[in-house]
């Protein structure tokens, strides 16, 4: 399984955008365009995990798209066509783009280095603030949870819906994920730059504030062709007997910062792991965390492609955490976060609370087409011992509960409070 555990599966940051920024690179000749097209098509043809291509006639797609690629004189239209072809596979972890666009089109949770200190969700067709970081620009300006953001630099929710590039799998939850991500890209930005928010306060008064983005903590580099990742984790006690752990990515592989946080709270009777807004990561990192919750070797699934099936296992690591566990998930929990949550659920280690997740759970691999272009395609699917394949299905929580504006205005996170209630009464 060493081959599989090295695969980067950070779903969002490698699920590339079909709409390019202004950094287009050089204009390709017809011959160069067709050569790129052949490389992309052939890589999928040889490496895509499913020999039946999710029911798509892949040879027919070659005949359909080749003349379109030959006539696509603009770089924007070329990449849009290539992604349209790839998206017909209706698979997560699939896309192509310029390497220079990775940061602009990647996960804001992971790659954007400037923040105003808020998180948002789209709830009942409104952009709602669901978290305000203490001492952040937003906190200093008295923004609060439950406030409705009407516009971000003049862009409304309607505008974001028009500009969002929705990617597979094409279900409602994944569409919410991509819409929310697009909004977050406009909230995060370069340090010292500003963003203007027009919002409704607790009395529905329309107000406006200009906030300066501040630098996040120092990023880490995984590989030289990716921008730095801003990995974050926090842990603390919610009550004398209930601890809280949250982190935004299963990176780097050793997950040292998260494990250190877990050790601080390892003797509590109840633990809440918050995967809301976690963008996944490497399988090795996931196994390092889950190894703290098992006392014996556990088979958790089989990685399957057209050529092979590989069983994989969680090995016990260190002293097993003996308390009860609740995991929080929502539409912004993807890839490795979904995998970890579902494994904890299926192994009867944790209870899952929150909203059903998008189902971005194929294993993607990165192919460098040349020094400027990268392609991501899924090369394995994961099947659990009971035969369940989480791609497109996502995780159905044991206890489903939504966030709502009324409670947020009163400082209540209904999902977190339900988790506390569950652990208190168990």
Protein backbone atom coordinates (compact mmCIF):
# COMPACT_ATOMS: atom_id res chain seq x y z
CA UNK A 1 0.00 0.00 0.00
CA UNK A 2 2.99 2.36 0.04
CA UNK A 3 2.13 3.50 -3.47
CA UNK A 4 -1.37 4.50 -2.46
CA UNK A 5 -0.44 6.24 0.76
CA UNK A 6 1.77 8.66 -1.14
CA UNK A 7 -1.05 9.88 -3.35
CA UNK A 8 -2.09 13.44 -2.57
CA UNK A 9 -5.84 13.52 -2.07
CA UNK A 10 -6.47 17.06 -0.95
CA UNK A 11 -9.68 17.22 -2.90
CA UNK A 12 -10.26 20.90 -3.30
CA UNK A 13 -6.84 22.27 -3.90
CA UNK A 14 -6.17 19.79 -6.68
CA UNK A 15 -9.67 19.87 -8.16
CA UNK A 16 -8.75 22.50 -10.68
CA UNK A 17 -10.94 25.27 -11.96
CA UNK A 18 -12.20 25.44 -15.54
CA UNK A 19 -12.04 29.23 -15.57
CA UNK A 20 -8.52 30.66 -15.79
CA UNK A 21 -7.16 33.86 -14.31
CA UNK A 22 -5.36 36.51 -16.32
CA UNK A 23 -2.11 34.54 -16.23
CA UNK A 24 -2.78 32.63 -19.42
CA UNK A 25 0.74 31.73 -20.47
CA UNK A 26 1.68 31.61 -24.12
CA UNK A 27 -0.85 31.02 -26.89
CA UNK A 28 -0.53 27.46 -28.14
CA UNK A 29 -0.39 26.59 -31.82
CA UNK A 30 -2.91 24.11 -33.26
CA UNK A 31 -0.27 21.39 -33.21
CA UNK A 32 0.55 22.13 -29.55
CA UNK A 33 -3.13 22.16 -28.62
CA UNK A 34 -3.71 18.80 -30.23
CA UNK A 35 -0.59 17.38 -28.58
CA UNK A 36 -1.89 18.56 -25.18
CA UNK A 37 -5.31 17.10 -25.96
CA UNK A 38 -3.76 13.74 -26.85
CA UNK A 39 -1.73 13.69 -23.63
CA UNK A 40 -4.80 14.41 -21.52
CA UNK A 41 -7.05 11.94 -23.32
CA UNK A 42 -4.41 9.19 -23.31
CA UNK A 43 -3.60 9.67 -19.63
CA UNK A 44 -7.27 9.24 -18.75
CA UNK A 45 -7.54 6.33 -21.16
CA UNK A 46 -4.63 4.54 -19.49
CA UNK A 47 -4.90 5.62 -15.84
CA UNK A 48 -8.55 6.37 -14.99
CA UNK A 49 -9.61 3.94 -12.28
CA UNK A 50 -12.72 2.65 -14.07
CA UNK A 51 -12.17 0.79 -17.37
CA UNK A 52 -15.78 1.63 -18.28
CA UNK A 53 -15.21 5.36 -17.65
CA UNK A 54 -18.33 5.72 -15.51
CA UNK A 55 -20.48 4.65 -18.45
CA UNK A 56 -19.00 7.23 -20.86
CA UNK A 57 -17.81 6.21 -24.34
CA UNK A 58 -14.33 7.66 -23.94
CA UNK A 59 -13.33 6.96 -27.55
CA UNK A 60 -16.38 8.89 -28.72
CA UNK A 61 -15.28 11.82 -26.56
CA UNK A 62 -11.97 11.85 -28.41
CA UNK A 63 -13.78 12.22 -31.73
CA UNK A 64 -16.15 14.83 -30.28
CA UNK A 65 -13.57 17.10 -28.67
CA UNK A 66 -10.60 16.84 -31.04
CA UNK A 67 -11.99 19.23 -33.70
CA UNK A 68 -13.15 21.62 -30.98
CA UNK A 69 -9.65 21.67 -29.49
CA UNK A 70 -8.12 22.24 -32.92
CA UNK A 71 -10.27 25.35 -33.37
CA UNK A 72 -9.88 26.75 -29.85
CA UNK A 73 -7.43 29.57 -30.50
CA UNK A 74 -7.82 31.12 -27.03
CA UNK A 75 -6.18 29.57 -23.99
CA UNK A 76 -9.32 30.09 -21.90
CA UNK A 77 -11.49 28.16 -24.33
CA UNK A 78 -8.86 25.42 -24.67
CA UNK A 79 -8.79 24.67 -20.94
CA UNK A 80 -12.52 25.03 -20.64
CA UNK A 81 -13.00 22.40 -23.34
CA UNK A 82 -10.49 20.07 -21.74
CA UNK A 83 -12.23 20.36 -18.38
CA UNK A 84 -15.66 19.94 -19.95
CA UNK A 85 -14.43 16.67 -21.41
CA UNK A 86 -12.97 15.56 -18.08
CA UNK A 87 -16.08 16.55 -16.16
CA UNK A 88 -18.20 14.27 -18.33
CA UNK A 89 -16.64 11.45 -16.31
CA UNK A 90 -18.65 12.84 -13.33
CA UNK A 91 -15.80 12.05 -10.96
CA UNK A 92 -14.20 14.03 -8.18
CA UNK A 93 -10.46 14.81 -8.18
CA UNK A 94 -10.47 15.49 -11.90
CA UNK A 95 -9.33 18.60 -13.79
CA UNK A 96 -6.57 20.43 -15.65
CA UNK A 97 -5.10 23.90 -15.30
CA UNK A 98 -1.96 26.00 -15.41
CA UNK A 99 0.31 25.55 -12.42
CA UNK A 100 0.39 29.33 -12.08
CA UNK A 101 -3.35 29.27 -11.34
CA UNK A 102 -3.24 26.71 -8.55
CA UNK A 103 -3.27 29.27 -5.75
CA UNK A 104 -6.06 31.35 -7.28
CA UNK A 105 -8.25 28.33 -7.94
CA UNK A 106 -7.35 26.25 -4.91
CA UNK A 107 -8.95 25.86 -1.52
CA UNK A 108 -9.03 29.19 0.33
CA UNK A 109 -9.02 27.26 3.61
CA UNK A 110 -5.60 25.86 2.75
CA UNK A 111 -3.80 28.19 0.35
CA UNK A 112 -4.95 31.77 0.84
CA UNK A 113 -2.54 33.65 3.07
CA UNK A 114 -4.66 36.68 3.99
CA UNK A 115 -7.73 36.43 6.24
CA UNK A 116 -10.29 38.68 7.94
CA UNK A 117 -11.16 35.98 10.47
CA UNK A 118 -14.58 34.69 9.49
CA UNK A 119 -16.13 31.54 8.11
CA UNK A 120 -19.42 31.43 6.23
CA UNK A 121 -22.06 28.99 5.02
CA UNK A 122 -24.88 29.36 2.54
CA UNK A 123 -28.00 28.78 4.65
CA UNK A 124 -31.54 29.26 3.35
CA UNK A 125 -30.22 31.12 0.27
CA UNK A 126 -28.21 33.58 2.36
CA UNK A 127 -24.51 33.99 3.09
CA UNK A 128 -24.33 33.63 6.87
CA UNK A 129 -21.33 34.23 9.12
CA UNK A 130 -20.91 31.06 11.19
CA UNK A 131 -17.63 31.87 12.93
CA UNK A 132 -15.69 34.97 13.94
CA UNK A 133 -12.10 34.46 15.09
CA UNK A 134 -11.28 36.40 18.29
CA UNK A 135 -9.04 39.45 17.76
CA UNK A 136 -9.37 39.19 13.97
CA UNK A 137 -10.24 42.13 11.69
CA UNK A 138 -13.84 40.95 11.69
CA UNK A 139 -13.98 40.68 15.49
CA UNK A 140 -12.48 44.14 15.96
CA UNK A 141 -15.19 45.49 13.62
CA UNK A 142 -17.88 43.78 15.73
CA UNK A 143 -19.04 41.31 13.11
CA UNK A 144 -20.94 38.44 14.71
CA UNK A 145 -22.21 34.99 13.90
CA UNK A 146 -25.62 35.07 12.29
CA UNK A 147 -24.96 38.27 10.35
CA UNK A 148 -26.05 38.03 6.71
CA UNK A 149 -23.51 39.13 4.12
CA UNK A 150 -25.40 40.76 1.27
CA UNK A 151 -22.40 41.75 -0.84
CA UNK A 152 -18.65 41.16 -0.92
CA UNK A 153 -16.91 43.94 -2.84
CA UNK A 154 -20.20 44.55 -4.60
CA UNK A 155 -20.86 40.88 -5.46
CA UNK A 156 -24.09 39.28 -4.21
CA UNK A 157 -25.01 35.63 -3.79
CA UNK A 158 -26.72 35.80 -7.18
CA UNK A 159 -23.45 36.98 -8.72
CA UNK A 160 -21.51 34.16 -7.09
CA UNK A 161 -24.00 31.60 -8.37
CA UNK A 162 -23.41 32.89 -11.90
CA UNK A 163 -19.61 32.75 -11.68
CA UNK A 164 -19.16 29.47 -9.79
CA UNK A 165 -17.78 26.62 -11.86
CA UNK A 166 -19.51 23.53 -10.54
CA UNK A 167 -17.49 20.33 -10.72
CA UNK A 168 -18.27 16.64 -10.32
CA UNK A 169 -19.89 14.85 -8.69
CA UNK A 170 -22.97 16.83 -9.66
CA UNK A 171 -25.13 16.53 -6.58
CA UNK A 172 -26.76 19.27 -4.51
CA UNK A 173 -24.29 19.06 -1.64
CA UNK A 174 -21.28 19.33 -3.90
CA UNK A 175 -22.80 22.33 -5.66
CA UNK A 176 -23.17 24.02 -2.27
CA UNK A 177 -19.54 23.17 -1.56
CA UNK A 178 -18.31 24.81 -4.78
CA UNK A 179 -20.54 27.85 -4.32
CA UNK A 180 -19.32 28.35 -0.75
CA UNK A 181 -15.71 27.91 -1.87
CA UNK A 182 -16.14 30.57 -4.54
CA UNK A 183 -17.50 32.99 -1.94
CA UNK A 184 -14.62 32.21 0.42
CA UNK A 185 -12.10 32.97 -2.34
CA UNK A 186 -13.39 36.54 -2.31
CA UNK A 187 -13.27 36.75 1.49
CA UNK A 188 -9.69 35.51 1.75
CA UNK A 189 -6.99 37.30 -0.23
CA UNK A 190 -3.56 38.88 -0.08
CA UNK A 191 -2.36 40.13 3.32
CA UNK A 192 -2.81 43.89 3.77
CA UNK A 193 -5.41 44.00 1.00
CA UNK A 194 -8.98 45.03 1.84
CA UNK A 195 -12.44 43.63 1.35
CA UNK A 196 -15.75 45.46 1.77
CA UNK A 197 -18.71 43.62 3.28
CA UNK A 198 -22.29 44.86 3.17
CA UNK A 199 -24.25 42.97 5.81
CA UNK A 200 -27.40 42.74 7.88
CA UNK A 201 -26.88 42.88 11.64
CA UNK A 202 -29.06 41.27 14.33
CA UNK A 203 -31.73 43.92 13.77
CA UNK A 204 -31.59 43.51 9.99
CA UNK A 205 -30.01 46.93 9.61
CA UNK A 206 -27.90 47.15 6.47
CA UNK A 207 -24.32 48.15 7.26
CA UNK A 208 -21.00 48.26 5.46
CA UNK A 209 -17.46 47.69 6.67
CA UNK A 210 -14.05 47.67 5.01
CA UNK A 211 -11.72 45.08 6.50
CA UNK A 212 -7.97 44.61 6.07
CA UNK A 213 -6.79 41.04 5.56
CA UNK A 214 -4.03 39.95 7.91
CA UNK A 215 -1.27 37.42 7.36
CA UNK A 216 -1.98 33.89 8.52
CA UNK A 217 0.64 31.82 10.28
CA UNK A 218 3.64 30.66 8.27
CA UNK A 219 2.81 28.22 5.49
CA UNK A 220 4.53 24.94 4.78
CA UNK A 221 5.76 23.60 1.43
CA UNK A 222 4.98 20.04 0.36
CA UNK A 223 6.44 20.12 -3.16
CA UNK A 224 8.21 22.86 -5.06
CA UNK A 225 5.45 23.36 -7.64
CA UNK A 226 2.67 23.96 -5.08
CA UNK A 227 2.22 27.20 -3.14
CA UNK A 228 2.58 26.98 0.67
CA UNK A 229 -0.18 25.35 2.69
CA UNK A 230 -1.56 27.05 5.77
CA UNK A 231 -2.33 24.09 8.00
CA UNK A 232 -4.06 24.90 11.26
CA UNK A 233 -5.24 23.01 14.31
CA UNK A 234 -6.65 23.86 17.70
CA UNK A 235 -7.68 21.93 20.79
CA UNK A 236 -9.23 22.90 24.10
CA UNK A 237 -11.70 21.73 26.73
CA UNK A 238 -15.34 22.68 26.25
CA UNK A 239 -16.24 21.29 29.69
CA UNK A 240 -14.32 19.43 32.36
CA UNK A 241 -15.01 16.15 30.55
CA UNK A 242 -15.39 17.12 26.88
CA UNK A 243 -12.51 18.21 24.63
CA UNK A 244 -12.58 19.75 21.17
CA UNK A 245 -10.15 19.16 18.27
CA UNK A 246 -10.24 20.86 14.89
CA UNK A 247 -7.81 21.03 11.97
CA UNK A 248 -8.20 22.06 8.34
CA UNK A 249 -6.23 19.41 6.42
CA UNK A 250 -4.63 15.99 6.71
CA UNK A 251 -1.24 17.47 5.90
CA UNK A 252 1.64 17.01 6.23
CA UNK A 253 1.86 13.21 6.35
CA UNK A 254 3.12 13.06 9.93
CA UNK A 255 0.21 15.28 11.09
CA UNK A 256 2.49 16.28 13.97
CA UNK A 257 0.67 19.50 14.85
CA UNK A 258 -2.65 17.66 15.15
CA UNK A 259 -1.22 14.72 17.08
CA UNK A 260 0.37 17.15 19.56
CA UNK A 261 -3.04 18.78 20.06
CA UNK A 262 -4.68 15.39 20.50
CA UNK A 263 -2.15 14.39 23.16
CA UNK A 264 -3.05 17.46 25.21
CA UNK A 265 -6.64 16.26 25.52
CA UNK A 266 -6.14 12.49 25.30
CA UNK A 267 -7.46 11.66 28.78
CA UNK A 268 -10.85 13.34 28.51
CA UNK A 269 -14.04 11.28 28.65
CA UNK A 270 -15.49 12.81 25.50
CA UNK A 271 -13.93 14.21 22.33
CA UNK A 272 -15.46 16.27 19.53
CA UNK A 273 -13.48 16.24 16.26
CA UNK A 274 -14.65 19.06 14.01
CA UNK A 275 -14.14 18.29 10.32
CA UNK A 276 -16.32 21.15 9.08
CA UNK A 277 -14.13 22.99 6.57
CA UNK A 278 -11.51 20.22 6.45
CA UNK A 279 -10.24 19.70 2.90
CA UNK A 280 -8.83 16.22 3.36
CA UNK A 281 -5.26 15.22 2.62
CA UNK A 282 -2.98 12.23 2.49
CA UNK A 283 -4.03 8.73 3.44
CA UNK A 284 -0.91 8.30 5.55
CA UNK A 285 -1.88 11.30 7.69
CA UNK A 286 -5.41 9.95 8.08
CA UNK A 287 -4.05 6.60 9.28
CA UNK A 288 -1.77 8.32 11.79
CA UNK A 289 -4.79 9.96 13.40
CA UNK A 290 -7.09 6.95 13.30
CA UNK A 291 -4.34 4.75 14.73
CA UNK A 292 -4.90 6.58 18.04
CA UNK A 293 -8.46 5.22 18.22
CA UNK A 294 -7.92 1.47 17.63
CA UNK A 295 -6.33 -1.18 19.84
CA UNK A 296 -5.76 -3.74 17.09
CA UNK A 297 -5.12 -3.82 13.36
CA UNK A 298 -8.28 -2.97 11.44
CA UNK A 299 -9.05 -3.41 7.75
CA UNK A 300 -10.92 -0.33 6.64
CA UNK A 301 -11.26 -0.72 2.89
CA UNK A 302 -9.99 -1.77 -0.51
CA UNK A 303 -8.54 0.54 -3.15
CA UNK A 304 -9.68 -0.59 -6.56
CA UNK A 305 -8.74 0.34 -10.11
CA UNK A 306 -8.82 -1.47 -13.43
CA UNK A 307 -5.66 -3.46 -12.69
CA UNK A 308 -5.62 -4.28 -9.00
CA UNK A 309 -7.29 -4.35 -5.62
CA UNK A 310 -5.31 -3.37 -2.53
CA UNK A 311 -6.60 -3.85 0.98
CA UNK A 312 -5.47 -1.28 3.52
CA UNK A 313 -5.40 -1.28 7.30
CA UNK A 314 -5.25 1.03 10.27
CA UNK A 315 -2.48 0.09 12.69
CA UNK A 316 -2.72 1.03 16.39
CA UNK A 317 -0.37 3.87 17.33
CA UNK A 318 0.47 4.89 20.90
CA UNK A 319 -2.07 4.75 23.68
CA UNK A 320 -5.63 4.28 22.47
CA UNK A 321 -8.05 7.12 23.21
CA UNK A 322 -10.68 5.52 25.44
CA UNK A 323 -13.33 8.20 25.59
CA UNK A 324 -16.44 8.61 23.44
CA UNK A 325 -16.06 10.48 20.16
CA UNK A 326 -18.34 12.69 18.09
CA UNK A 327 -17.34 13.94 14.64
CA UNK A 328 -18.87 17.08 13.11
CA UNK A 329 -19.25 17.25 9.32
CA UNK A 330 -21.05 19.37 6.75
CA UNK A 331 -20.95 20.27 3.04
CA UNK A 332 -17.44 21.67 3.49
CA UNK A 333 -16.01 18.35 4.73
CA UNK A 334 -14.48 16.58 1.75
CA UNK A 335 -12.10 13.87 0.59
CA UNK A 336 -9.90 12.64 3.46
CA UNK A 337 -12.20 14.29 6.00
CA UNK A 338 -15.08 12.25 4.60
CA UNK A 339 -12.99 9.10 4.57
CA UNK A 340 -11.89 9.53 8.18
CA UNK A 341 -15.40 10.32 9.39
CA UNK A 342 -16.93 7.39 7.59
CA UNK A 343 -14.29 5.00 8.91
CA UNK A 344 -14.85 6.18 12.47
CA UNK A 345 -18.57 5.65 11.89
CA UNK A 346 -18.27 2.22 10.27
CA UNK A 347 -15.81 0.96 12.88
CA UNK A 348 -18.26 2.06 15.61
CA UNK A 349 -15.67 4.39 17.05
CA UNK A 350 -17.56 7.68 16.64
CA UNK A 351 -21.01 9.16 16.17
CA UNK A 352 -21.35 11.58 13.24
CA UNK A 353 -23.35 14.80 13.66
CA UNK A 354 -24.08 17.53 11.10
CA UNK A 355 -25.00 17.68 7.41
CA UNK A 356 -24.46 15.09 4.68
CA UNK A 357 -21.12 15.59 2.93
CA UNK A 358 -20.49 16.10 -0.84
CA UNK A 359 -19.00 12.68 -1.67
CA UNK A 360 -15.61 13.67 -3.12
CA UNK A 361 -13.93 10.39 -2.33
CA UNK A 362 -11.93 9.08 -5.25
CA UNK A 363 -8.16 9.09 -5.00
CA UNK A 364 -6.61 11.61 -7.33
CA UNK A 365 -3.11 11.62 -8.74
CA UNK A 366 -1.27 14.60 -10.23
CA UNK A 367 0.34 14.39 -13.67
CA UNK A 368 2.69 17.12 -14.80
CA UNK A 369 1.96 17.59 -18.49
CA UNK A 370 4.89 20.00 -18.75
CA UNK A 371 6.49 22.76 -16.67
CA UNK A 372 3.33 24.87 -16.76
CA UNK A 373 0.35 22.48 -16.80
CA UNK A 374 -0.90 19.83 -14.37
CA UNK A 375 -3.64 17.25 -14.75
CA UNK A 376 -5.47 15.52 -11.91
CA UNK A 377 -7.46 12.35 -12.44
CA UNK A 378 -8.82 9.69 -10.06
CA UNK A 379 -6.85 6.45 -10.23
CA UNK A 380 -8.50 4.46 -7.41
CA UNK A 381 -11.89 4.17 -5.83
CA UNK A 382 -12.32 3.17 -2.21
CA UNK A 383 -14.70 0.40 -1.22
CA UNK A 384 -15.46 -0.29 2.42
CA UNK A 385 -15.78 -3.84 3.82
CA UNK A 386 -19.57 -3.66 3.56
CA UNK A 387 -19.32 -2.83 -0.16
CA UNK A 388 -20.17 0.87 0.24
CA UNK A 389 -18.51 3.30 -2.18
CA UNK A 390 -18.63 6.84 -0.74
CA UNK A 391 -17.99 8.69 -4.04
CA UNK A 392 -21.03 10.89 -4.75
CA UNK A 393 -22.84 9.36 -1.77
CA UNK A 394 -20.93 11.17 0.96
CA UNK A 395 -21.50 10.58 4.66
CA UNK A 396 -24.97 10.48 6.12
CA UNK A 397 -24.63 11.63 9.76
CA UNK A 398 -26.06 9.52 12.56
CA UNK A 399 -27.69 12.72 13.81
CA UNK A 400 -28.55 15.26 11.12
CA UNK A 401 -28.91 18.85 12.27
CA UNK A 402 -28.65 22.15 10.41
CA UNK A 403 -27.15 25.46 11.40
CA UNK A 404 -29.65 28.32 11.43
CA UNK A 405 -29.41 32.07 11.64
CA UNK A 406 -31.56 32.53 14.74
CA UNK A 407 -29.36 30.33 16.90
CA UNK A 408 -26.16 31.73 15.40
CA UNK A 409 -27.30 35.26 16.31
CA UNK A 410 -27.61 33.99 19.88
CA UNK A 411 -24.09 32.59 19.73
CA UNK A 412 -25.26 28.99 19.39
CA UNK A 413 -23.67 26.45 17.05
CA UNK A 414 -26.50 23.89 16.94
CA UNK A 415 -24.26 21.12 15.61
CA UNK A 416 -21.61 21.64 18.27
CA UNK A 417 -24.23 21.95 21.03
CA UNK A 418 -25.89 18.72 19.90
CA UNK A 419 -22.50 17.01 20.09
CA UNK A 420 -21.96 18.28 23.64
CA UNK A 421 -25.46 17.15 24.59
CA UNK A 422 -24.87 13.69 23.11
CA UNK A 423 -21.58 13.20 24.98
CA UNK A 424 -23.03 14.56 28.22
CA UNK A 425 -26.01 12.21 28.19
CA UNK A 426 -24.22 9.08 27.00
